[in-house]
Amino acid sequence: MLFKVLADPHRLAILAILARSDEDVCVCEFTADLPLNQPTVSHHLRLLREADLVTAERRGTWSYYRLKPGVRARIIAALRRVVPESDVA
């Protein structure tokens, strides 16, 4: 499931935005930064939540997202299982 979720370039872009942010990110910020409308962003975020990569917190009318602790390590570990060690930084 992890690689299926990571296979989409828009979901990778969402994860990159979250990884660069020091604060929780509002759905409205993703729609401003990506060529996607709010329902499409919400769909991608739901898939990322189901893959246990992000967590959401509702504040008023918006949901705010952050990477779950350990996500970077989890992705690297998954890559190491399928790619030879010498090919993974």
Protein backbone atom coordinates (compact mmCIF):
# COMPACT_ATOMS: atom_id res chain seq x y z
CA MET A 1 0.00 0.00 0.00
CA LEU A 2 2.84 2.42 0.82
CA PHE A 3 4.36 2.37 -2.66
CA LYS A 4 0.94 2.65 -4.30
CA VAL A 5 0.28 5.81 -2.29
CA LEU A 6 3.75 7.19 -3.04
CA ALA A 7 3.42 6.46 -6.77
CA ASP A 8 1.27 9.52 -7.39
CA PRO A 9 3.21 12.75 -8.08
CA HIS A 10 0.56 14.93 -6.41
CA ARG A 11 0.73 12.90 -3.20
CA LEU A 12 4.53 13.13 -3.29
CA ALA A 13 4.19 16.91 -3.67
CA ILE A 14 1.83 17.02 -0.68
CA LEU A 15 4.30 15.00 1.40
CA ALA A 16 7.13 17.32 0.31
CA ILE A 17 5.14 20.39 1.39
CA LEU A 18 4.48 18.77 4.77
CA ALA A 19 8.12 17.74 5.17
CA ARG A 20 9.29 21.32 4.55
CA SER A 21 6.77 22.89 6.92
CA ASP A 22 7.50 23.57 10.57
CA GLU A 23 3.77 23.98 11.22
CA ASP A 24 0.58 22.11 10.37
CA VAL A 25 -0.60 22.79 6.83
CA CYS A 26 -4.15 23.78 5.95
CA VAL A 27 -5.95 22.18 3.01
CA CYS A 28 -6.31 25.70 1.62
CA GLU A 29 -2.51 25.99 1.42
CA PHE A 30 -2.25 22.85 -0.70
CA THR A 31 -4.82 24.20 -3.14
CA ALA A 32 -2.80 27.42 -3.41
CA ASP A 33 0.50 25.57 -4.00
CA LEU A 34 -0.70 22.76 -6.28
CA PRO A 35 -2.72 22.72 -9.53
CA LEU A 36 -5.53 20.86 -7.74
CA ASN A 37 -8.94 21.84 -6.44
CA GLN A 38 -9.99 21.31 -2.83
CA PRO A 39 -11.94 18.05 -3.37
CA THR A 40 -8.98 16.50 -5.20
CA VAL A 41 -6.53 17.60 -2.50
CA SER A 42 -8.87 16.16 0.15
CA HIS A 43 -8.99 12.85 -1.76
CA HIS A 44 -5.18 12.63 -1.84
CA LEU A 45 -4.95 13.55 1.85
CA ARG A 46 -7.49 10.84 2.72
CA LEU A 47 -5.32 8.25 0.96
CA LEU A 48 -2.26 9.52 2.83
CA ARG A 49 -4.19 9.26 6.13
CA GLU A 50 -5.31 5.73 5.28
CA ALA A 51 -1.66 4.83 4.58
CA ASP A 52 -0.85 6.18 8.07
CA LEU A 53 1.52 8.83 6.69
CA VAL A 54 -0.25 11.98 7.85
CA THR A 55 -2.54 13.05 10.64
CA ALA A 56 -5.28 15.69 10.53
CA GLU A 57 -6.76 18.09 13.03
CA ARG A 58 -10.00 19.96 12.41
CA ARG A 59 -9.91 23.69 13.25
CA GLY A 60 -13.11 25.49 12.40
CA THR A 61 -13.97 24.86 8.77
CA TRP A 62 -10.49 23.65 7.75
CA SER A 63 -8.43 20.57 8.43
CA TYR A 64 -4.73 20.94 9.15
CA TYR A 65 -2.25 18.20 8.31
CA ARG A 66 1.18 17.11 9.46
CA LEU A 67 3.46 14.16 8.82
CA LYS A 68 3.13 11.42 11.39
CA PRO A 69 6.24 10.88 13.50
CA GLY A 70 8.64 8.43 11.88
CA VAL A 71 7.27 8.78 8.33
CA ARG A 72 10.64 9.67 6.80
CA ALA A 73 12.26 6.64 8.44
CA ARG A 74 9.37 4.42 7.37
CA ILE A 75 9.69 5.46 3.71
CA ILE A 76 13.47 4.97 3.76
CA ALA A 77 13.06 1.54 5.38
CA ALA A 78 10.54 0.52 2.71
CA LEU A 79 12.92 1.64 -0.03
CA ARG A 80 15.77 -0.32 1.51
CA ARG A 81 13.67 -3.48 1.37
CA VAL A 82 13.29 -3.19 -2.42
CA VAL A 83 16.44 -1.33 -3.50
CA PRO A 84 19.99 -2.56 -2.82
CA GLU A 85 21.56 -0.77 0.17
CA SER A 86 24.24 0.87 -1.98
CA ASP A 87 21.55 2.60 -4.08
CA VAL A 88 19.72 4.22 -1.12
CA ALA A 89 21.16 7.32 0.53
